[in-house]
N, C-alpha and C. Protein backbone atom coordinates (compact mmCIF):
# COMPACT_ATOMS: atom_id res chain seq x y z
N MET A 1 -15.97 -22.46 -0.58
CA MET A 1 -14.65 -22.63 -1.10
C MET A 1 -13.68 -21.10 -0.45
N GLN A 2 -12.41 -21.57 -0.06
CA GLN A 2 -11.52 -20.07 0.09
C GLN A 2 -10.78 -20.14 -0.85
N PRO A 3 -10.32 -18.72 -1.23
CA PRO A 3 -9.06 -18.49 -2.22
C PRO A 3 -8.33 -18.84 -1.66
N ASP A 4 -6.74 -19.43 -2.12
CA ASP A 4 -5.67 -19.77 -1.52
C ASP A 4 -4.97 -18.24 -1.16
N GLU A 5 -3.65 -18.34 -0.22
CA GLU A 5 -3.04 -17.47 0.25
C GLU A 5 -2.65 -16.70 -0.79
N ALA A 6 -1.62 -17.23 -1.70
CA ALA A 6 -1.14 -16.75 -2.86
C ALA A 6 -1.95 -15.46 -3.90
N ARG A 7 -3.34 -16.14 -4.03
CA ARG A 7 -4.00 -15.58 -4.84
C ARG A 7 -4.42 -14.46 -4.04
N VAL A 8 -4.88 -14.42 -2.74
CA VAL A 8 -5.19 -13.04 -2.02
C VAL A 8 -4.16 -12.10 -1.74
N ARG A 9 -2.93 -12.50 -1.73
CA ARG A 9 -1.71 -11.86 -1.91
C ARG A 9 -1.89 -10.84 -2.87
N SER A 10 -1.96 -11.74 -4.11
CA SER A 10 -1.86 -11.04 -5.48
C SER A 10 -3.04 -9.88 -5.73
N TRP A 11 -4.32 -10.77 -5.27
CA TRP A 11 -5.45 -9.45 -5.35
C TRP A 11 -5.33 -8.19 -4.61
N LEU A 12 -4.62 -8.41 -3.40
CA LEU A 12 -4.35 -7.09 -2.58
C LEU A 12 -3.49 -6.53 -3.17
N GLN A 13 -2.21 -6.86 -3.50
CA GLN A 13 -1.15 -6.18 -3.91
C GLN A 13 -1.57 -5.33 -5.55
N SER A 14 -2.35 -6.03 -6.42
CA SER A 14 -2.49 -5.25 -7.67
C SER A 14 -3.64 -4.38 -7.46
N ALA A 15 -4.52 -4.60 -6.28
CA ALA A 15 -5.31 -3.29 -5.77
C ALA A 15 -4.71 -2.23 -5.52
N VAL A 16 -3.77 -2.30 -4.55
CA VAL A 16 -2.84 -1.39 -4.40
C VAL A 16 -2.20 -0.72 -5.28
N GLU A 17 -1.48 -0.98 -6.13
CA GLU A 17 -0.81 -1.00 -7.72
C GLU A 17 -2.11 0.09 -8.30
N ASP A 18 -3.11 -0.36 -8.28
CA ASP A 18 -4.24 0.08 -9.26
C ASP A 18 -4.70 1.39 -8.50
N ALA A 19 -4.74 1.25 -7.14
CA ALA A 19 -5.39 2.60 -6.45
C ALA A 19 -4.10 3.72 -6.51
N TYR A 20 -3.10 3.50 -6.63
CA TYR A 20 -1.58 4.16 -6.57
C TYR A 20 -1.76 4.87 -8.11
N GLU A 21 -1.76 3.96 -9.36
CA GLU A 21 -1.78 4.54 -10.46
C GLU A 21 -3.59 5.35 -10.75
N GLY A 22 -4.82 4.69 -10.30
CA GLY A 22 -5.96 5.68 -10.57
C GLY A 22 -6.11 6.71 -9.70
N GLU A 23 -5.65 6.75 -8.36
CA GLU A 23 -5.93 7.80 -7.44
C GLU A 23 -4.36 8.68 -6.99
N ARG A 24 -3.59 8.80 -8.08
CA ARG A 24 -2.53 9.33 -7.87
C ARG A 24 -2.57 10.97 -7.32
N GLN A 25 -3.74 11.54 -7.44
CA GLN A 25 -4.05 12.74 -6.71
C GLN A 25 -4.13 12.66 -5.17
N LEU A 26 -4.55 11.85 -4.70
CA LEU A 26 -4.90 11.35 -3.30
C LEU A 26 -3.43 11.18 -2.61
N PHE A 27 -2.38 10.76 -3.15
CA PHE A 27 -1.49 10.54 -2.76
C PHE A 27 -0.60 11.79 -2.82
N GLN A 28 -0.67 12.40 -3.93
CA GLN A 28 0.22 13.84 -4.11
C GLN A 28 -0.35 14.73 -3.11
N GLU A 29 -1.71 14.85 -2.41
CA GLU A 29 -2.48 15.77 -1.51
C GLU A 29 -2.28 15.02 -0.38
N ARG A 30 -1.67 14.13 -0.14
CA ARG A 30 -1.44 13.32 1.23
C ARG A 30 -2.83 13.11 2.23
N ALA A 31 -3.85 12.79 1.13
CA ALA A 31 -5.51 12.61 1.44
C ALA A 31 -5.25 11.49 2.78
N HIS A 32 -6.27 11.57 3.86
CA HIS A 32 -6.33 10.82 4.91
C HIS A 32 -6.24 9.14 4.50
N GLU A 33 -5.58 8.45 5.02
CA GLU A 33 -5.49 7.13 4.79
C GLU A 33 -6.99 6.44 4.30
N ARG A 34 -8.13 6.59 5.33
CA ARG A 34 -9.43 6.34 4.96
C ARG A 34 -9.69 6.44 3.62
N SER A 35 -9.62 7.64 3.22
CA SER A 35 -9.63 7.86 1.35
C SER A 35 -8.79 6.79 0.59
N VAL A 36 -7.95 6.66 0.94
CA VAL A 36 -7.16 5.71 0.00
C VAL A 36 -7.59 4.14 0.24
N VAL A 37 -8.05 4.02 1.47
CA VAL A 37 -8.16 2.61 1.86
C VAL A 37 -9.62 1.87 1.21
N PHE A 38 -10.35 3.14 0.99
CA PHE A 38 -11.81 3.16 0.18
C PHE A 38 -11.49 2.68 -1.59
N HIS A 39 -10.37 3.29 -1.66
CA HIS A 39 -9.85 2.98 -3.15
C HIS A 39 -9.41 1.39 -3.38
N ILE A 40 -8.89 1.04 -2.32
CA ILE A 40 -7.83 -0.31 -2.51
C ILE A 40 -9.02 -1.24 -2.13
N ALA A 41 -9.99 -0.97 -1.43
CA ALA A 41 -10.90 -1.79 -1.27
C ALA A 41 -11.96 -2.43 -2.11
N ARG A 42 -12.46 -1.04 -2.56
CA ARG A 42 -12.91 -0.95 -3.96
C ARG A 42 -12.45 -1.98 -5.03
N ARG A 43 -11.12 -1.73 -5.27
CA ARG A 43 -10.54 -2.44 -6.15
C ARG A 43 -10.50 -4.14 -6.15
N LEU A 44 -10.25 -4.17 -4.60
CA LEU A 44 -9.94 -5.77 -4.12
C LEU A 44 -11.34 -6.47 -4.19
N ALA A 45 -12.43 -5.58 -3.76
CA ALA A 45 -13.62 -5.99 -3.97
C ALA A 45 -14.21 -6.75 -5.57
N THR A 46 -13.77 -6.09 -6.44
CA THR A 46 -13.93 -6.24 -7.98
C THR A 46 -13.21 -7.35 -7.97
N ARG A 47 -12.14 -7.84 -7.58
CA ARG A 47 -11.30 -9.34 -7.84
C ARG A 47 -12.00 -10.22 -7.17
N VAL A 48 -12.31 -10.05 -6.10
CA VAL A 48 -12.95 -11.01 -5.09
C VAL A 48 -14.36 -11.36 -5.80
N GLU A 49 -15.05 -10.34 -6.40
CA GLU A 49 -16.08 -10.77 -6.90
C GLU A 49 -16.13 -11.50 -8.28
N ALA A 50 -15.50 -11.05 -9.14
CA ALA A 50 -15.04 -11.73 -10.09
C ALA A 50 -14.61 -13.23 -10.14
N TRP A 51 -13.53 -13.59 -8.94
CA TRP A 51 -13.48 -14.93 -8.57
C TRP A 51 -14.61 -15.88 -7.96
N ALA A 52 -15.33 -15.14 -6.96
CA ALA A 52 -16.27 -15.81 -6.47
C ALA A 52 -17.57 -16.13 -7.54
N CYS A 53 -17.65 -15.55 -8.62
CA CYS A 53 -18.31 -15.89 -9.50
C CYS A 53 -18.19 -16.94 -10.60
N ASP A 54 -16.60 -17.17 -10.60
CA ASP A 54 -15.99 -18.22 -11.52
C ASP A 54 -16.06 -19.04 -10.75
N ALA A 55 -15.60 -19.25 -9.62
CA ALA A 55 -15.23 -20.11 -8.58
C ALA A 55 -16.56 -20.97 -8.24
N ASN A 56 -17.76 -20.18 -8.03
CA ASN A 56 -19.20 -20.63 -7.69
C ASN A 56 -18.89 -20.37 -6.05
N SER A 57 -18.67 -19.50 -5.87
CA SER A 57 -18.26 -19.20 -4.35
C SER A 57 -18.62 -18.01 -3.87
N ALA A 58 -19.89 -17.71 -3.60
CA ALA A 58 -20.70 -16.39 -3.23
C ALA A 58 -20.17 -16.39 -1.90
N GLY A 59 -20.52 -15.07 -1.33
CA GLY A 59 -20.49 -14.52 0.15
C GLY A 59 -19.24 -13.99 0.62
N TRP A 60 -18.37 -14.23 0.13
CA TRP A 60 -17.46 -13.06 0.34
C TRP A 60 -17.02 -11.49 0.28
N SER A 61 -17.25 -10.93 1.13
CA SER A 61 -17.29 -9.57 1.48
C SER A 61 -16.06 -8.97 1.38
N VAL A 62 -15.78 -7.56 1.11
CA VAL A 62 -14.70 -6.76 1.36
C VAL A 62 -15.55 -5.44 2.37
N ASP A 63 -15.10 -5.23 3.43
CA ASP A 63 -15.58 -4.08 4.08
C ASP A 63 -14.34 -3.50 4.99
N VAL A 64 -14.53 -2.11 5.15
CA VAL A 64 -13.61 -1.27 5.71
C VAL A 64 -14.02 -0.70 7.08
N GLU A 65 -13.02 -0.62 8.06
CA GLU A 65 -13.87 -0.20 9.27
C GLU A 65 -14.47 -1.10 9.89
N TYR A 66 -14.77 -2.18 9.97
CA TYR A 66 -15.71 -3.41 10.43
C TYR A 66 -15.75 -3.26 11.66
N ASP A 67 -17.10 -3.38 12.24
CA ASP A 67 -17.09 -3.74 13.72
C ASP A 67 -18.17 -4.26 14.24
N ARG A 68 -18.34 -5.32 13.54
CA ARG A 68 -19.54 -6.24 14.13
C ARG A 68 -19.14 -7.83 14.37
N TRP A 69 -18.52 -7.55 15.36
CA TRP A 69 -18.19 -9.18 15.80
C TRP A 69 -18.70 -9.13 17.39
N HIS A 70 -18.53 -10.62 17.63
CA HIS A 70 -18.93 -10.61 18.90
C HIS A 70 -18.41 -10.12 20.16
N PRO A 71 -19.11 -9.25 20.88
CA PRO A 71 -18.58 -8.46 22.25
C PRO A 71 -17.33 -8.96 22.73
N GLY A 72 -17.58 -10.31 23.02
CA GLY A 72 -16.52 -10.94 24.00
C GLY A 72 -14.95 -10.84 22.91
N ASP A 73 -15.13 -11.29 21.94
CA ASP A 73 -13.84 -11.02 21.11
C ASP A 73 -13.41 -10.02 20.99
N VAL A 74 -14.34 -8.89 20.86
CA VAL A 74 -13.49 -7.36 20.81
C VAL A 74 -12.77 -7.03 22.15
N GLU A 75 -13.77 -7.39 23.30
CA GLU A 75 -12.86 -7.24 24.55
C GLU A 75 -11.62 -7.61 24.74
N TRP A 76 -11.40 -8.91 24.19
CA TRP A 76 -10.22 -9.62 24.25
C TRP A 76 -9.26 -8.77 23.39
N LEU A 77 -9.55 -8.54 22.66
CA LEU A 77 -8.65 -7.56 21.57
C LEU A 77 -8.20 -6.18 22.21
N LYS A 78 -9.40 -5.65 22.99
CA LYS A 78 -8.98 -4.65 23.41
C LYS A 78 -7.97 -4.58 24.59
N LYS A 79 -8.27 -5.63 25.61
CA LYS A 79 -7.31 -6.08 26.50
C LYS A 79 -5.83 -6.04 25.94
N ARG A 80 -5.88 -6.92 25.11
CA ARG A 80 -4.38 -7.00 24.22
C ARG A 80 -3.80 -5.86 23.98
N LEU A 81 -4.27 -5.02 23.43
CA LEU A 81 -3.87 -3.80 23.13
C LEU A 81 -3.86 -2.70 24.14
N ARG A 82 -4.50 -2.73 25.11
CA ARG A 82 -4.56 -1.58 26.30
C ARG A 82 -3.15 -0.98 26.36
N GLY A 83 -2.73 0.11 26.47
CA GLY A 83 -1.91 0.93 26.83
C GLY A 83 -0.63 1.02 25.46
N LEU A 84 -0.97 -0.02 24.62
CA LEU A 84 0.20 0.16 23.61
C LEU A 84 0.25 1.48 22.70
N ASP A 85 1.48 1.56 22.95
CA ASP A 85 1.57 3.24 22.06
C ASP A 85 0.73 4.35 22.47
N GLY A 86 0.28 4.22 23.41
CA GLY A 86 -0.53 5.21 23.77
C GLY A 86 -2.24 5.48 23.37
N HIS A 87 -2.45 4.33 22.42
CA HIS A 87 -3.62 4.35 21.74
C HIS A 87 -4.95 4.26 22.58
N ASP A 88 -6.04 4.61 22.05
CA ASP A 88 -7.30 4.21 22.46
C ASP A 88 -7.43 3.04 22.49
N GLU A 89 -7.75 2.26 23.97
CA GLU A 89 -7.89 0.68 23.78
C GLU A 89 -9.35 0.39 22.51
N ASN A 90 -10.10 1.59 22.47
CA ASN A 90 -11.10 1.31 21.70
C ASN A 90 -10.96 1.26 19.99
N ASP A 91 -9.36 1.57 19.63
CA ASP A 91 -9.33 1.52 18.19
C ASP A 91 -8.86 0.06 17.85
N VAL A 92 -10.05 -0.90 17.63
CA VAL A 92 -9.74 -2.22 17.54
C VAL A 92 -10.10 -2.52 15.91
N TYR A 93 -10.76 -1.54 15.41
CA TYR A 93 -11.28 -2.17 14.05
C TYR A 93 -10.28 -1.69 12.71
N PRO A 94 -10.08 -2.82 12.20
CA PRO A 94 -9.06 -3.12 10.57
C PRO A 94 -9.51 -1.95 10.08
N ASP A 95 -8.69 -1.55 8.98
CA ASP A 95 -9.02 -0.71 8.24
C ASP A 95 -9.52 -1.52 6.92
N LEU A 96 -9.29 -2.66 6.73
CA LEU A 96 -10.17 -3.45 5.69
C LEU A 96 -10.15 -5.20 5.66
N ILE A 97 -11.10 -5.64 5.49
CA ILE A 97 -10.93 -7.11 5.82
C ILE A 97 -11.78 -7.72 4.52
N LEU A 98 -11.39 -9.10 4.18
CA LEU A 98 -11.73 -9.93 3.45
C LEU A 98 -12.57 -10.97 4.16
N HIS A 99 -13.66 -11.16 4.22
CA HIS A 99 -14.23 -12.14 5.00
C HIS A 99 -15.88 -12.66 4.36
N ARG A 100 -16.43 -13.51 5.44
CA ARG A 100 -17.85 -13.85 5.23
C ARG A 100 -18.68 -13.33 6.52
N ARG A 101 -19.57 -12.50 6.01
CA ARG A 101 -20.10 -11.83 7.16
C ARG A 101 -20.98 -12.80 8.12
N SER A 102 -21.11 -14.00 7.34
CA SER A 102 -22.13 -14.69 8.11
C SER A 102 -21.63 -15.66 9.55
N GLY A 103 -20.40 -15.17 9.84
CA GLY A 103 -19.74 -16.10 10.74
C GLY A 103 -18.50 -15.13 11.28
N SER A 104 -17.78 -15.76 12.44
CA SER A 104 -16.50 -15.06 12.97
C SER A 104 -15.60 -16.43 13.02
N SER A 105 -15.62 -17.48 12.26
CA SER A 105 -14.75 -18.41 12.51
C SER A 105 -13.54 -18.71 11.37
N ALA A 106 -12.58 -19.30 11.75
CA ALA A 106 -11.43 -19.41 10.94
C ALA A 106 -11.79 -19.56 9.25
N GLU A 107 -12.90 -20.43 9.15
CA GLU A 107 -13.39 -20.27 7.75
C GLU A 107 -14.23 -19.09 7.12
N HIS A 108 -14.33 -18.36 8.04
CA HIS A 108 -14.96 -16.92 7.88
C HIS A 108 -14.09 -15.81 7.32
N ASN A 109 -12.84 -15.86 8.04
CA ASN A 109 -12.09 -14.78 8.03
C ASN A 109 -10.84 -15.12 7.31
N LEU A 110 -10.49 -14.26 6.39
CA LEU A 110 -9.63 -14.61 5.45
C LEU A 110 -8.48 -13.66 5.30
N LEU A 111 -8.98 -12.37 5.65
CA LEU A 111 -7.73 -11.26 5.25
C LEU A 111 -7.90 -9.89 5.93
N VAL A 112 -6.97 -9.40 6.65
CA VAL A 112 -7.23 -8.27 7.91
C VAL A 112 -5.99 -7.61 7.06
N VAL A 113 -6.49 -6.17 7.05
CA VAL A 113 -5.46 -5.16 6.70
C VAL A 113 -5.03 -3.64 7.25
N GLU A 114 -4.14 -3.35 7.64
CA GLU A 114 -4.13 -2.10 8.05
C GLU A 114 -2.80 -1.24 6.80
N VAL A 115 -3.32 0.16 7.00
CA VAL A 115 -2.45 0.85 6.10
C VAL A 115 -2.13 2.16 6.82
N LYS A 116 -1.02 2.43 6.69
CA LYS A 116 -0.35 3.82 7.22
C LYS A 116 0.52 4.22 6.15
N LYS A 117 0.26 5.82 5.90
CA LYS A 117 1.13 6.40 5.21
C LYS A 117 2.48 6.84 5.63
N ASP A 118 3.52 6.75 5.17
CA ASP A 118 5.06 6.37 5.68
C ASP A 118 5.13 7.83 6.45
N GLY A 119 5.83 7.62 7.71
CA GLY A 119 5.93 8.85 8.75
C GLY A 119 4.60 8.86 9.55
N ALA A 120 3.72 7.96 9.25
CA ALA A 120 2.39 8.17 10.51
C ALA A 120 2.87 7.48 11.60
N ARG A 121 2.13 7.66 12.46
CA ARG A 121 2.51 6.93 14.03
C ARG A 121 1.74 5.81 14.06
N GLY A 122 1.65 4.95 15.11
CA GLY A 122 1.32 4.05 15.52
C GLY A 122 1.20 2.50 14.68
N ARG A 123 2.46 2.41 14.39
CA ARG A 123 2.95 1.32 13.67
C ARG A 123 2.77 0.13 14.44
N GLU A 124 3.26 0.17 15.32
CA GLU A 124 3.66 -0.72 16.12
C GLU A 124 1.92 -1.45 16.66
N HIS A 125 1.22 -0.31 17.10
CA HIS A 125 -0.34 -0.67 17.63
C HIS A 125 -0.82 -1.43 16.53
N ASP A 126 -0.68 -1.08 15.42
CA ASP A 126 -1.50 -1.56 14.01
C ASP A 126 -0.84 -2.94 13.99
N LEU A 127 0.51 -3.44 14.17
CA LEU A 127 1.07 -4.64 13.75
C LEU A 127 0.18 -5.29 15.13
N GLU A 128 0.41 -5.00 16.48
CA GLU A 128 -0.27 -5.57 17.41
C GLU A 128 -1.37 -6.09 16.77
N LYS A 129 -2.38 -5.07 16.33
CA LYS A 129 -3.75 -5.48 16.21
C LYS A 129 -3.70 -6.52 15.31
N LEU A 130 -3.35 -6.46 14.19
CA LEU A 130 -2.83 -7.70 13.31
C LEU A 130 -2.42 -8.90 13.93
N ARG A 131 -1.69 -8.97 14.45
CA ARG A 131 -1.05 -10.46 15.32
C ARG A 131 -2.58 -10.75 16.09
N GLY A 132 -3.35 -9.55 16.68
CA GLY A 132 -4.39 -10.18 17.47
C GLY A 132 -5.67 -10.81 16.52
N PHE A 133 -5.66 -10.26 15.47
CA PHE A 133 -6.53 -10.80 14.37
C PHE A 133 -6.36 -12.24 13.78
N VAL A 134 -5.03 -12.57 13.70
CA VAL A 134 -4.55 -13.59 12.95
C VAL A 134 -4.70 -14.86 14.02
N ALA A 135 -4.57 -14.38 15.48
CA ALA A 135 -5.09 -15.39 16.66
C ALA A 135 -6.53 -15.66 17.01
N PRO A 136 -6.48 -16.89 17.58
CA PRO A 136 -7.85 -17.02 18.14
C PRO A 136 -8.21 -15.98 19.10
N PRO A 137 -9.69 -15.33 18.88
CA PRO A 137 -10.90 -16.13 18.37
C PRO A 137 -11.42 -15.64 16.82
N PHE A 138 -10.50 -14.61 16.61
CA PHE A 138 -10.60 -14.16 15.13
C PHE A 138 -10.37 -15.14 13.97
N SER A 139 -9.00 -15.36 14.32
CA SER A 139 -7.88 -16.56 13.21
C SER A 139 -8.13 -16.00 11.65
N TYR A 140 -8.02 -14.95 11.67
CA TYR A 140 -7.72 -14.39 10.25
C TYR A 140 -6.53 -15.70 9.56
N ARG A 141 -6.85 -15.87 8.16
CA ARG A 141 -5.68 -16.62 7.49
C ARG A 141 -4.46 -15.87 7.35
N LEU A 142 -4.64 -14.62 6.92
CA LEU A 142 -3.46 -13.63 6.47
C LEU A 142 -3.78 -12.46 6.78
N ALA A 143 -2.81 -11.54 7.17
CA ALA A 143 -2.66 -10.33 7.62
C ALA A 143 -1.72 -9.51 6.72
N ALA A 144 -2.05 -8.15 6.52
CA ALA A 144 -1.11 -7.01 6.04
C ALA A 144 -0.92 -6.06 6.57
N PHE A 145 0.08 -5.42 6.88
CA PHE A 145 0.40 -4.00 7.14
C PHE A 145 1.07 -3.60 5.71
N ILE A 146 0.72 -2.70 5.29
CA ILE A 146 0.85 -1.56 4.27
C ILE A 146 1.59 -0.10 4.37
N THR A 147 2.80 0.04 4.11
CA THR A 147 3.10 1.60 4.15
C THR A 147 2.83 2.14 2.86
N LEU A 148 2.29 3.23 2.86
CA LEU A 148 2.17 3.80 1.44
C LEU A 148 3.03 4.98 1.38
N SER A 149 3.92 5.15 0.47
CA SER A 149 4.67 6.04 -0.15
C SER A 149 4.17 7.45 -0.41
N ALA A 150 3.89 8.63 -0.25
CA ALA A 150 3.64 9.93 -0.50
C ALA A 150 4.03 10.26 -1.88
N ASP A 151 4.97 9.68 -2.27
CA ASP A 151 5.57 10.46 -3.34
C ASP A 151 5.18 9.01 -4.73
N GLY A 152 4.52 8.35 -4.63
CA GLY A 152 4.10 6.88 -5.25
C GLY A 152 5.00 6.11 -5.55
N GLY A 153 5.90 6.02 -4.55
CA GLY A 153 6.92 4.96 -4.60
C GLY A 153 6.24 3.71 -4.26
N GLU A 154 7.23 2.63 -4.25
CA GLU A 154 6.51 1.18 -3.86
C GLU A 154 5.99 1.03 -2.64
N PRO A 155 5.00 0.41 -2.25
CA PRO A 155 4.44 0.27 -0.61
C PRO A 155 5.48 -0.78 -0.11
N LEU A 156 5.67 -0.53 1.16
CA LEU A 156 5.97 -1.46 1.95
C LEU A 156 5.05 -2.57 2.33
N TRP A 157 5.52 -3.78 2.36
CA TRP A 157 5.05 -4.72 3.19
C TRP A 157 5.19 -5.61 4.12
N HIS A 158 4.32 -5.84 5.05
CA HIS A 158 4.55 -6.68 6.18
C HIS A 158 3.57 -7.73 6.04
N TRP A 159 3.94 -9.08 5.98
CA TRP A 159 2.80 -9.93 5.92
C TRP A 159 2.75 -10.93 7.23
N ILE A 160 1.59 -11.26 7.85
CA ILE A 160 1.49 -11.94 8.72
C ILE A 160 0.39 -13.18 8.68
N ALA A 161 0.90 -14.75 8.57
CA ALA A 161 -0.01 -15.62 8.28
C ALA A 161 -0.35 -16.38 9.69
N ASP A 162 -1.29 -17.04 9.81
CA ASP A 162 -1.83 -17.78 10.58
C ASP A 162 -0.78 -18.90 11.22
């Protein structure tokens, strides 16, 4: 069983809010986005695990910088991104995903997330990467691009659905 889109959006939004509250110092010190993504992922995983226990639907995982796809799928995405914004074509791994590790079909891929701090470069590259993850062969149901405010203000959300 997959959680519905509204539930997944709610989980991610509350995980980001909790990370803002609980890890304020990371934002104030402008820590690297990987540090922030870890804390968002940790909070998201707690919500997913609680739901999976209640719904008797184990097997969902939250991973960061995940890189274990079928080689042909990764090559397809690299070609799609080649030359975009001068980024390295190997930069195809998303910041955070919610998926089932047991496969790579639409039934296994639920949420893919890219996070940037306000003012950071690479927005278009990350948005195109998310569009690639929502399309076949990855077929994630939902993608989110989150721009985090350094001063603790509200994050900006850009959602992409399949």
